[in-house]
Amino acid sequence: MFQSLMDIRKDTPQEILNSLVEIANKAFDNRAGKVENTSKMPYRLIYRGEDNLFSCLQLGMLALEKQSDFLDYVISWKWIDEENPSENEDILKEIRTPIN
């Protein structure tokens, strides 16, 4: 099982939060499939899938990486590989690290 887990700033107004959720939902509904947000917490987004949805999760993350207005509200973004924890990654850190 793979997860893309994002935490949104708690001071985000409800209207903007709704917009961010909509942006993320659209990103994870792409040509490789559809993954639903499984989080029960309003300021956390969790998109999970098995091996057959790996590409969908990857495409969703790539789409969100390009959305600076979305990233401005993200305080944490983790990629979690439950079967191979050595593959876990801090996505937000990677996005913000300049390429030399």
PDB file of N, CA and C in Angstrom:
ATOM      1  N   MET A   1       0.851  -1.183   0.000  1.00  0.00           N
ATOM      2  CA  MET A   1       0.000   0.000   0.000  1.00  0.00           C
ATOM      3  C   MET A   1       0.892   1.239   0.000  1.00  0.00           C
ATOM      4  N   PHE A   2       0.514   2.205  -0.817  1.00  0.00           N
ATOM      5  CA  PHE A   2       1.221   3.481  -0.918  1.00  0.00           C
ATOM      6  C   PHE A   2       0.296   4.597  -0.445  1.00  0.00           C
ATOM      7  N   GLN A   3       0.901   5.647   0.132  1.00  0.00           N
ATOM      8  CA  GLN A   3       0.118   6.803   0.577  1.00  0.00           C
ATOM      9  C   GLN A   3       0.833   8.097   0.213  1.00  0.00           C
ATOM     10  N   SER A   4       0.055   9.059  -0.172  1.00  0.00           N
ATOM     11  CA  SER A   4       0.514  10.433  -0.276  1.00  0.00           C
ATOM     12  C   SER A   4      -0.250  11.182   0.808  1.00  0.00           C
ATOM     13  N   LEU A   5       0.468  11.637   1.832  1.00  0.00           N
ATOM     14  CA  LEU A   5      -0.153  12.238   3.014  1.00  0.00           C
ATOM     15  C   LEU A   5       0.277  13.696   3.123  1.00  0.00           C
ATOM     16  N   MET A   6      -0.699  14.596   3.100  1.00  0.00           N
ATOM     17  CA  MET A   6      -0.421  16.029   3.162  1.00  0.00           C
ATOM     18  C   MET A   6      -1.139  16.658   4.349  1.00  0.00           C
ATOM     19  N   ASP A   7      -0.416  17.504   5.073  1.00  0.00           N
ATOM     20  CA  ASP A   7      -1.020  18.292   6.140  1.00  0.00           C
ATOM     21  C   ASP A   7      -1.093  19.740   5.678  1.00  0.00           C
ATOM     22  N   ILE A   8      -2.273  20.320   5.850  1.00  0.00           N
ATOM     23  CA  ILE A   8      -2.539  21.703   5.453  1.00  0.00           C
ATOM     24  C   ILE A   8      -2.461  22.592   6.695  1.00  0.00           C
ATOM     25  N   ARG A   9      -1.990  23.819   6.507  1.00  0.00           N
ATOM     26  CA  ARG A   9      -1.906  24.757   7.637  1.00  0.00           C
ATOM     27  C   ARG A   9      -3.257  24.880   8.334  1.00  0.00           C
ATOM     28  N   LYS A  10      -3.226  24.843   9.651  1.00  0.00           N
ATOM     29  CA  LYS A  10      -4.460  24.898  10.444  1.00  0.00           C
ATOM     30  C   LYS A  10      -5.135  26.273  10.394  1.00  0.00           C
ATOM     31  N   ASP A  11      -4.395  27.308  10.012  1.00  0.00           N
ATOM     32  CA  ASP A  11      -4.981  28.647   9.930  1.00  0.00           C
ATOM     33  C   ASP A  11      -5.584  28.935   8.549  1.00  0.00           C
ATOM     34  N   THR A  12      -5.673  27.916   7.722  1.00  0.00           N
ATOM     35  CA  THR A  12      -6.247  28.076   6.384  1.00  0.00           C
ATOM     36  C   THR A  12      -7.753  28.290   6.489  1.00  0.00           C
ATOM     37  N   PRO A  13      -8.278  29.373   5.935  1.00  0.00           N
ATOM     38  CA  PRO A  13      -9.729  29.603   5.969  1.00  0.00           C
ATOM     39  C   PRO A  13     -10.490  28.474   5.267  1.00  0.00           C
ATOM     40  N   GLN A  14     -11.697  28.220   5.731  1.00  0.00           N
ATOM     41  CA  GLN A  14     -12.504  27.114   5.224  1.00  0.00           C
ATOM     42  C   GLN A  14     -12.698  27.170   3.709  1.00  0.00           C
ATOM     43  N   GLU A  15     -12.943  28.348   3.181  1.00  0.00           N
ATOM     44  CA  GLU A  15     -13.158  28.489   1.736  1.00  0.00           C
ATOM     45  C   GLU A  15     -11.920  28.053   0.947  1.00  0.00           C
ATOM     46  N   ILE A  16     -10.750  28.458   1.426  1.00  0.00           N
ATOM     47  CA  ILE A  16      -9.508  28.071   0.759  1.00  0.00           C
ATOM     48  C   ILE A  16      -9.251  26.584   0.952  1.00  0.00           C
ATOM     49  N   LEU A  17      -9.526  26.072   2.153  1.00  0.00           N
ATOM     50  CA  LEU A  17      -9.369  24.643   2.413  1.00  0.00           C
ATOM     51  C   LEU A  17     -10.216  23.821   1.444  1.00  0.00           C
ATOM     52  N   ASN A  18     -11.448  24.234   1.247  1.00  0.00           N
ATOM     53  CA  ASN A  18     -12.328  23.533   0.300  1.00  0.00           C
ATOM     54  C   ASN A  18     -11.734  23.539  -1.105  1.00  0.00           C
ATOM     55  N   SER A  19     -11.158  24.667  -1.491  1.00  0.00           N
ATOM     56  CA  SER A  19     -10.536  24.785  -2.807  1.00  0.00           C
ATOM     57  C   SER A  19      -9.314  23.869  -2.919  1.00  0.00           C
ATOM     58  N   LEU A  20      -8.515  23.791  -1.864  1.00  0.00           N
ATOM     59  CA  LEU A  20      -7.332  22.928  -1.865  1.00  0.00           C
ATOM     60  C   LEU A  20      -7.718  21.460  -1.989  1.00  0.00           C
ATOM     61  N   VAL A  21      -8.766  21.070  -1.278  1.00  0.00           N
ATOM     62  CA  VAL A  21      -9.246  19.685  -1.358  1.00  0.00           C
ATOM     63  C   VAL A  21      -9.710  19.386  -2.781  1.00  0.00           C
ATOM     64  N   GLU A  22     -10.402  20.328  -3.384  1.00  0.00           N
ATOM     65  CA  GLU A  22     -10.877  20.148  -4.759  1.00  0.00           C
ATOM     66  C   GLU A  22      -9.702  20.013  -5.736  1.00  0.00           C
ATOM     67  N   ILE A  23      -8.686  20.839  -5.557  1.00  0.00           N
ATOM     68  CA  ILE A  23      -7.492  20.768  -6.406  1.00  0.00           C
ATOM     69  C   ILE A  23      -6.821  19.403  -6.267  1.00  0.00           C
ATOM     70  N   ALA A  24      -6.666  18.949  -5.027  1.00  0.00           N
ATOM     71  CA  ALA A  24      -6.024  17.650  -4.787  1.00  0.00           C
ATOM     72  C   ALA A  24      -6.864  16.510  -5.345  1.00  0.00           C
ATOM     73  N   ASN A  25      -8.168  16.569  -5.129  1.00  0.00           N
ATOM     74  CA  ASN A  25      -9.042  15.509  -5.654  1.00  0.00           C
ATOM     75  C   ASN A  25      -8.934  15.403  -7.174  1.00  0.00           C
ATOM     76  N   LYS A  26      -8.859  16.551  -7.845  1.00  0.00           N
ATOM     77  CA  LYS A  26      -8.719  16.544  -9.309  1.00  0.00           C
ATOM     78  C   LYS A  26      -7.367  15.967  -9.726  1.00  0.00           C
ATOM     79  N   ALA A  27      -6.328  16.280  -8.963  1.00  0.00           N
ATOM     80  CA  ALA A  27      -4.993  15.771  -9.294  1.00  0.00           C
ATOM     81  C   ALA A  27      -4.935  14.247  -9.204  1.00  0.00           C
ATOM     82  N   PHE A  28      -5.635  13.695  -8.225  1.00  0.00           N
ATOM     83  CA  PHE A  28      -5.607  12.242  -8.028  1.00  0.00           C
ATOM     84  C   PHE A  28      -6.725  11.525  -8.787  1.00  0.00           C
ATOM     85  N   ASP A  29      -7.390  12.243  -9.652  1.00  0.00           N
ATOM     86  CA  ASP A  29      -8.339  11.660 -10.607  1.00  0.00           C
ATOM     87  C   ASP A  29      -7.757  11.972 -11.982  1.00  0.00           C
ATOM     88  N   ASN A  30      -6.935  11.070 -12.478  1.00  0.00           N
ATOM     89  CA  ASN A  30      -6.158  11.342 -13.683  1.00  0.00           C
ATOM     90  C   ASN A  30      -6.199  10.159 -14.646  1.00  0.00           C
ATOM     91  N   ARG A  31      -5.448  10.234 -15.692  1.00  0.00           N
ATOM     92  CA  ARG A  31      -5.506   9.206 -16.742  1.00  0.00           C
ATOM     93  C   ARG A  31      -5.073   7.823 -16.267  1.00  0.00           C
ATOM     94  N   ALA A  32      -4.412   7.741 -15.106  1.00  0.00           N
ATOM     95  CA  ALA A  32      -3.970   6.442 -14.583  1.00  0.00           C
ATOM     96  C   ALA A  32      -4.978   5.835 -13.611  1.00  0.00           C
ATOM     97  N   GLY A  33      -6.028   6.583 -13.278  1.00  0.00           N
ATOM     98  CA  GLY A  33      -7.036   6.070 -12.350  1.00  0.00           C
ATOM     99  C   GLY A  33      -7.544   7.153 -11.423  1.00  0.00           C
ATOM    100  N   LYS A  34      -8.160   6.715 -10.351  1.00  0.00           N
ATOM    101  CA  LYS A  34      -8.716   7.647  -9.375  1.00  0.00           C
ATOM    102  C   LYS A  34      -8.473   7.106  -7.971  1.00  0.00           C
ATOM    103  N   VAL A  35      -7.969   7.994  -7.107  1.00  0.00           N
ATOM    104  CA  VAL A  35      -7.739   7.660  -5.709  1.00  0.00           C
ATOM    105  C   VAL A  35      -8.483   8.692  -4.874  1.00  0.00           C
ATOM    106  N   GLU A  36      -9.244   8.225  -3.906  1.00  0.00           N
ATOM    107  CA  GLU A  36     -10.046   9.101  -3.042  1.00  0.00           C
ATOM    108  C   GLU A  36      -9.253   9.535  -1.809  1.00  0.00           C
ATOM    109  N   ASN A  37      -9.566  10.700  -1.293  1.00  0.00           N
ATOM    110  CA  ASN A  37      -9.029  11.166  -0.020  1.00  0.00           C
ATOM    111  C   ASN A  37      -9.685  10.342   1.086  1.00  0.00           C
ATOM    112  N   THR A  38      -8.879   9.621   1.872  1.00  0.00           N
ATOM    113  CA  THR A  38      -9.417   8.752   2.920  1.00  0.00           C
ATOM    114  C   THR A  38      -9.331   9.367   4.313  1.00  0.00           C
ATOM    115  N   SER A  39      -8.840  10.582   4.402  1.00  0.00           N
ATOM    116  CA  SER A  39      -8.677  11.220   5.703  1.00  0.00           C
ATOM    117  C   SER A  39     -10.019  11.625   6.298  1.00  0.00           C
ATOM    118  N   LYS A  40     -10.118  11.497   7.599  1.00  0.00           N
ATOM    119  CA  LYS A  40     -11.296  11.958   8.340  1.00  0.00           C
ATOM    120  C   LYS A  40     -11.025  13.306   9.009  1.00  0.00           C
ATOM    121  N   MET A  41      -9.793  13.806   8.844  1.00  0.00           N
ATOM    122  CA  MET A  41      -9.392  15.070   9.457  1.00  0.00           C
ATOM    123  C   MET A  41      -9.413  16.162   8.386  1.00  0.00           C
ATOM    124  N   PRO A  42     -10.003  17.318   8.671  1.00  0.00           N
ATOM    125  CA  PRO A  42     -10.163  18.346   7.633  1.00  0.00           C
ATOM    126  C   PRO A  42      -8.851  18.926   7.101  1.00  0.00           C
ATOM    127  N   TYR A  43      -7.820  18.997   7.918  1.00  0.00           N
ATOM    128  CA  TYR A  43      -6.564  19.611   7.489  1.00  0.00           C
ATOM    129  C   TYR A  43      -5.513  18.575   7.086  1.00  0.00           C
ATOM    130  N   ARG A  44      -5.944  17.351   6.857  1.00  0.00           N
ATOM    131  CA  ARG A  44      -5.053  16.283   6.389  1.00  0.00           C
ATOM    132  C   ARG A  44      -5.691  15.616   5.181  1.00  0.00           C
ATOM    133  N   LEU A  45      -4.891  15.417   4.152  1.00  0.00           N
ATOM    134  CA  LEU A  45      -5.338  14.721   2.948  1.00  0.00           C
ATOM    135  C   LEU A  45      -4.517  13.446   2.817  1.00  0.00           C
ATOM    136  N   ILE A  46      -5.200  12.317   2.643  1.00  0.00           N
ATOM    137  CA  ILE A  46      -4.521  11.030   2.487  1.00  0.00           C
ATOM    138  C   ILE A  46      -5.085  10.335   1.260  1.00  0.00           C
ATOM    139  N   TYR A  47      -4.210  10.112   0.304  1.00  0.00           N
ATOM    140  CA  TYR A  47      -4.582   9.387  -0.911  1.00  0.00           C
ATOM    141  C   TYR A  47      -3.802   8.078  -0.888  1.00  0.00           C
ATOM    142  N   ARG A  48      -4.541   6.958  -0.867  1.00  0.00           N
ATOM    143  CA  ARG A  48      -3.933   5.637  -0.704  1.00  0.00           C
ATOM    144  C   ARG A  48      -4.289   4.727  -1.863  1.00  0.00           C
ATOM    145  N   GLY A  49      -3.369   3.833  -2.167  1.00  0.00           N
ATOM    146  CA  GLY A  49      -3.651   2.862  -3.214  1.00  0.00           C
ATOM    147  C   GLY A  49      -2.676   1.703  -3.198  1.00  0.00           C
ATOM    148  N   GLU A  50      -3.115   0.607  -3.774  1.00  0.00           N
ATOM    149  CA  GLU A  50      -2.274  -0.581  -3.933  1.00  0.00           C
ATOM    150  C   GLU A  50      -1.385  -0.396  -5.168  1.00  0.00           C
ATOM    151  N   ASP A  51      -0.641  -1.431  -5.501  1.00  0.00           N
ATOM    152  CA  ASP A  51       0.282  -1.385  -6.643  1.00  0.00           C
ATOM    153  C   ASP A  51      -0.393  -0.929  -7.933  1.00  0.00           C
ATOM    154  N   ASN A  52      -1.635  -1.344  -8.134  1.00  0.00           N
ATOM    155  CA  ASN A  52      -2.328  -0.997  -9.380  1.00  0.00           C
ATOM    156  C   ASN A  52      -2.637   0.502  -9.488  1.00  0.00           C
ATOM    157  N   LEU A  53      -2.534   1.240  -8.384  1.00  0.00           N
ATOM    158  CA  LEU A  53      -2.791   2.690  -8.405  1.00  0.00           C
ATOM    159  C   LEU A  53      -1.523   3.521  -8.193  1.00  0.00           C
ATOM    160  N   PHE A  54      -0.377   2.855  -8.235  1.00  0.00           N
ATOM    161  CA  PHE A  54       0.897   3.552  -8.049  1.00  0.00           C
ATOM    162  C   PHE A  54       1.049   4.706  -9.045  1.00  0.00           C
ATOM    163  N   SER A  55       0.793   4.435 -10.310  1.00  0.00           N
ATOM    164  CA  SER A  55       0.939   5.477 -11.346  1.00  0.00           C
ATOM    165  C   SER A  55      -0.028   6.630 -11.119  1.00  0.00           C
ATOM    166  N   CYS A  56      -1.219   6.329 -10.683  1.00  0.00           N
ATOM    167  CA  CYS A  56      -2.208   7.369 -10.388  1.00  0.00           C
ATOM    168  C   CYS A  56      -1.705   8.277  -9.266  1.00  0.00           C
ATOM    169  N   LEU A  57      -1.156   7.671  -8.227  1.00  0.00           N
ATOM    170  CA  LEU A  57      -0.610   8.453  -7.113  1.00  0.00           C
ATOM    171  C   LEU A  57       0.564   9.313  -7.579  1.00  0.00           C
ATOM    172  N   GLN A  58       1.434   8.749  -8.393  1.00  0.00           N
ATOM    173  CA  GLN A  58       2.587   9.495  -8.890  1.00  0.00           C
ATOM    174  C   GLN A  58       2.160  10.678  -9.763  1.00  0.00           C
ATOM    175  N   LEU A  59       1.227  10.438 -10.674  1.00  0.00           N
ATOM    176  CA  LEU A  59       0.739  11.526 -11.531  1.00  0.00           C
ATOM    177  C   LEU A  59       0.052  12.613 -10.707  1.00  0.00           C
ATOM    178  N   GLY A  60      -0.689  12.212  -9.695  1.00  0.00           N
ATOM    179  CA  GLY A  60      -1.342  13.185  -8.824  1.00  0.00           C
ATOM    180  C   GLY A  60      -0.338  14.071  -8.117  1.00  0.00           C
ATOM    181  N   MET A  61       0.724  13.459  -7.604  1.00  0.00           N
ATOM    182  CA  MET A  61       1.748  14.242  -6.916  1.00  0.00           C
ATOM    183  C   MET A  61       2.468  15.171  -7.883  1.00  0.00           C
ATOM    184  N   LEU A  62       2.760  14.687  -9.081  1.00  0.00           N
ATOM    185  CA  LEU A  62       3.410  15.546 -10.082  1.00  0.00           C
ATOM    186  C   LEU A  62       2.547  16.752 -10.427  1.00  0.00           C
ATOM    187  N   ALA A  63       1.252  16.536 -10.537  1.00  0.00           N
ATOM    188  CA  ALA A  63       0.335  17.643 -10.836  1.00  0.00           C
ATOM    189  C   ALA A  63       0.335  18.665  -9.700  1.00  0.00           C
ATOM    190  N   LEU A  64       0.326  18.197  -8.461  1.00  0.00           N
ATOM    191  CA  LEU A  64       0.281  19.117  -7.322  1.00  0.00           C
ATOM    192  C   LEU A  64       1.594  19.866  -7.129  1.00  0.00           C
ATOM    193  N   GLU A  65       2.709  19.244  -7.487  1.00  0.00           N
ATOM    194  CA  GLU A  65       4.011  19.907  -7.357  1.00  0.00           C
ATOM    195  C   GLU A  65       4.062  21.201  -8.155  1.00  0.00           C
ATOM    196  N   LYS A  66       3.299  21.275  -9.220  1.00  0.00           N
ATOM    197  CA  LYS A  66       3.300  22.452 -10.096  1.00  0.00           C
ATOM    198  C   LYS A  66       2.352  23.544  -9.613  1.00  0.00           C
ATOM    199  N   GLN A  67       1.596  23.277  -8.567  1.00  0.00           N
ATOM    200  CA  GLN A  67       0.572  24.211  -8.074  1.00  0.00           C
ATOM    201  C   GLN A  67       1.127  25.011  -6.891  1.00  0.00           C
ATOM    202  N   SER A  68       1.828  26.099  -7.174  1.00  0.00           N
ATOM    203  CA  SER A  68       2.426  26.878  -6.089  1.00  0.00           C
ATOM    204  C   SER A  68       1.372  27.420  -5.135  1.00  0.00           C
ATOM    205  N   ASP A  69       0.195  27.770  -5.637  1.00  0.00           N
ATOM    206  CA  ASP A  69      -0.865  28.261  -4.755  1.00  0.00           C
ATOM    207  C   ASP A  69      -1.343  27.155  -3.811  1.00  0.00           C
ATOM    208  N   PHE A  70      -1.233  25.913  -4.213  1.00  0.00           N
ATOM    209  CA  PHE A  70      -1.567  24.777  -3.350  1.00  0.00           C
ATOM    210  C   PHE A  70      -0.448  24.565  -2.327  1.00  0.00           C
ATOM    211  N   LEU A  71       0.784  24.551  -2.802  1.00  0.00           N
ATOM    212  CA  LEU A  71       1.930  24.270  -1.935  1.00  0.00           C
ATOM    213  C   LEU A  71       2.106  25.310  -0.840  1.00  0.00           C
ATOM    214  N   ASP A  72       1.657  26.538  -1.073  1.00  0.00           N
ATOM    215  CA  ASP A  72       1.774  27.586  -0.054  1.00  0.00           C
ATOM    216  C   ASP A  72       1.068  27.215   1.244  1.00  0.00           C
ATOM    217  N   TYR A  73       0.095  26.340   1.185  1.00  0.00           N
ATOM    218  CA  TYR A  73      -0.686  25.963   2.364  1.00  0.00           C
ATOM    219  C   TYR A  73      -0.287  24.610   2.948  1.00  0.00           C
ATOM    220  N   VAL A  74       0.615  23.906   2.290  1.00  0.00           N
ATOM    221  CA  VAL A  74       1.025  22.573   2.750  1.00  0.00           C
ATOM    222  C   VAL A  74       2.191  22.713   3.723  1.00  0.00           C
ATOM    223  N   ILE A  75       2.051  22.126   4.922  1.00  0.00           N
ATOM    224  CA  ILE A  75       3.137  22.185   5.905  1.00  0.00           C
ATOM    225  C   ILE A  75       3.900  20.868   5.986  1.00  0.00           C
ATOM    226  N   SER A  76       3.313  19.803   5.492  1.00  0.00           N
ATOM    227  CA  SER A  76       3.971  18.499   5.487  1.00  0.00           C
ATOM    228  C   SER A  76       3.393  17.670   4.351  1.00  0.00           C
ATOM    229  N   TRP A  77       4.280  16.950   3.663  1.00  0.00           N
ATOM    230  CA  TRP A  77       3.829  16.085   2.567  1.00  0.00           C
ATOM    231  C   TRP A  77       4.749  14.876   2.528  1.00  0.00           C
ATOM    232  N   LYS A  78       4.217  13.732   2.844  1.00  0.00           N
ATOM    233  CA  LYS A  78       4.992  12.495   2.920  1.00  0.00           C
ATOM    234  C   LYS A  78       4.510  11.478   1.890  1.00  0.00           C
ATOM    235  N   TRP A  79       5.458  10.756   1.331  1.00  0.00           N
ATOM    236  CA  TRP A  79       5.180   9.573   0.518  1.00  0.00           C
ATOM    237  C   TRP A  79       5.479   8.392   1.421  1.00  0.00           C
ATOM    238  N   ILE A  80       4.510   7.512   1.588  1.00  0.00           N
ATOM    239  CA  ILE A  80       4.666   6.362   2.476  1.00  0.00           C
ATOM    240  C   ILE A  80       4.475   5.080   1.675  1.00  0.00           C
ATOM    241  N   ASP A  81       5.473   4.229   1.753  1.00  0.00           N
ATOM    242  CA  ASP A  81       5.424   2.899   1.147  1.00  0.00           C
ATOM    243  C   ASP A  81       5.372   1.915   2.310  1.00  0.00           C
ATOM    244  N   GLU A  82       4.194   1.380   2.590  1.00  0.00           N
ATOM    245  CA  GLU A  82       4.015   0.524   3.757  1.00  0.00           C
ATOM    246  C   GLU A  82       4.791  -0.784   3.654  1.00  0.00           C
ATOM    247  N   GLU A  83       5.024  -1.265   2.444  1.00  0.00           N
ATOM    248  CA  GLU A  83       5.743  -2.529   2.266  1.00  0.00           C
ATOM    249  C   GLU A  83       7.258  -2.344   2.254  1.00  0.00           C
ATOM    250  N   ASN A  84       7.712  -1.163   1.911  1.00  0.00           N
ATOM    251  CA  ASN A  84       9.141  -0.892   1.819  1.00  0.00           C
ATOM    252  C   ASN A  84       9.429   0.486   2.419  1.00  0.00           C
ATOM    253  N   PRO A  85       9.468   0.585   3.753  1.00  0.00           N
ATOM    254  CA  PRO A  85       9.636   1.889   4.413  1.00  0.00           C
ATOM    255  C   PRO A  85      10.899   2.652   4.014  1.00  0.00           C
ATOM    256  N   SER A  86      11.901   1.966   3.489  1.00  0.00           N
ATOM    257  CA  SER A  86      13.108   2.678   3.058  1.00  0.00           C
ATOM    258  C   SER A  86      12.818   3.589   1.863  1.00  0.00           C
ATOM    259  N   GLU A  87      11.672   3.393   1.224  1.00  0.00           N
ATOM    260  CA  GLU A  87      11.252   4.224   0.096  1.00  0.00           C
ATOM    261  C   GLU A  87      10.426   5.438   0.531  1.00  0.00           C
ATOM    262  N   ASN A  88      10.137   5.555   1.829  1.00  0.00           N
ATOM    263  CA  ASN A  88       9.380   6.707   2.328  1.00  0.00           C
ATOM    264  C   ASN A  88      10.166   7.984   2.047  1.00  0.00           C
ATOM    265  N   GLU A  89       9.441   9.054   1.769  1.00  0.00           N
ATOM    266  CA  GLU A  89      10.107  10.286   1.358  1.00  0.00           C
ATOM    267  C   GLU A  89       9.350  11.504   1.868  1.00  0.00           C
ATOM    268  N   ASP A  90      10.109  12.543   2.209  1.00  0.00           N
ATOM    269  CA  ASP A  90       9.532  13.836   2.551  1.00  0.00           C
ATOM    270  C   ASP A  90       9.406  14.619   1.239  1.00  0.00           C
ATOM    271  N   ILE A  91       8.231  14.569   0.641  1.00  0.00           N
ATOM    272  CA  ILE A  91       8.012  15.173  -0.675  1.00  0.00           C
ATOM    273  C   ILE A  91       8.211  16.687  -0.635  1.00  0.00           C
ATOM    274  N   LEU A  92       7.690  17.327   0.390  1.00  0.00           N
ATOM    275  CA  LEU A  92       7.802  18.785   0.485  1.00  0.00           C
ATOM    276  C   LEU A  92       9.269  19.214   0.542  1.00  0.00           C
ATOM    277  N   LYS A  93      10.064  18.499   1.298  1.00  0.00           N
ATOM    278  CA  LYS A  93      11.498  18.803   1.381  1.00  0.00           C
ATOM    279  C   LYS A  93      12.155  18.644   0.012  1.00  0.00           C
ATOM    280  N   GLU A  94      11.814  17.584  -0.690  1.00  0.00           N
ATOM    281  CA  GLU A  94      12.395  17.346  -2.014  1.00  0.00           C
ATOM    282  C   GLU A  94      11.995  18.439  -3.006  1.00  0.00           C
ATOM    283  N   ILE A  95      10.750  18.868  -2.949  1.00  0.00           N
ATOM    284  CA  ILE A  95      10.279  19.918  -3.856  1.00  0.00           C
ATOM    285  C   ILE A  95      11.019  21.224  -3.601  1.00  0.00           C
ATOM    286  N   ARG A  96      11.271  21.511  -2.342  1.00  0.00           N
ATOM    287  CA  ARG A  96      11.876  22.798  -1.971  1.00  0.00           C
ATOM    288  C   ARG A  96      13.402  22.797  -2.045  1.00  0.00           C
ATOM    289  N   THR A  97      14.003  21.638  -2.264  1.00  0.00           N
ATOM    290  CA  THR A  97      15.455  21.561  -2.375  1.00  0.00           C
ATOM    291  C   THR A  97      15.867  21.908  -3.801  1.00  0.00           C
ATOM    292  N   PRO A  98      16.676  22.953  -3.963  1.00  0.00           N
ATOM    293  CA  PRO A  98      17.102  23.332  -5.316  1.00  0.00           C
ATOM    294  C   PRO A  98      17.967  22.243  -5.949  1.00  0.00           C
ATOM    295  N   ILE A  99      17.835  22.097  -7.242  1.00  0.00           N
ATOM    296  CA  ILE A  99      18.663  21.153  -7.987  1.00  0.00           C
ATOM    297  C   ILE A  99      19.930  21.881  -8.400  1.00  0.00           C
ATOM    298  N   ASN A 100      21.063  21.309  -8.067  1.00  0.00           N
ATOM    299  CA  ASN A 100      22.354  21.940  -8.409  1.00  0.00           C
ATOM    300  C   ASN A 100      22.841  21.462  -9.743  1.00  0.00           C
TER     301      ASN A 100
END
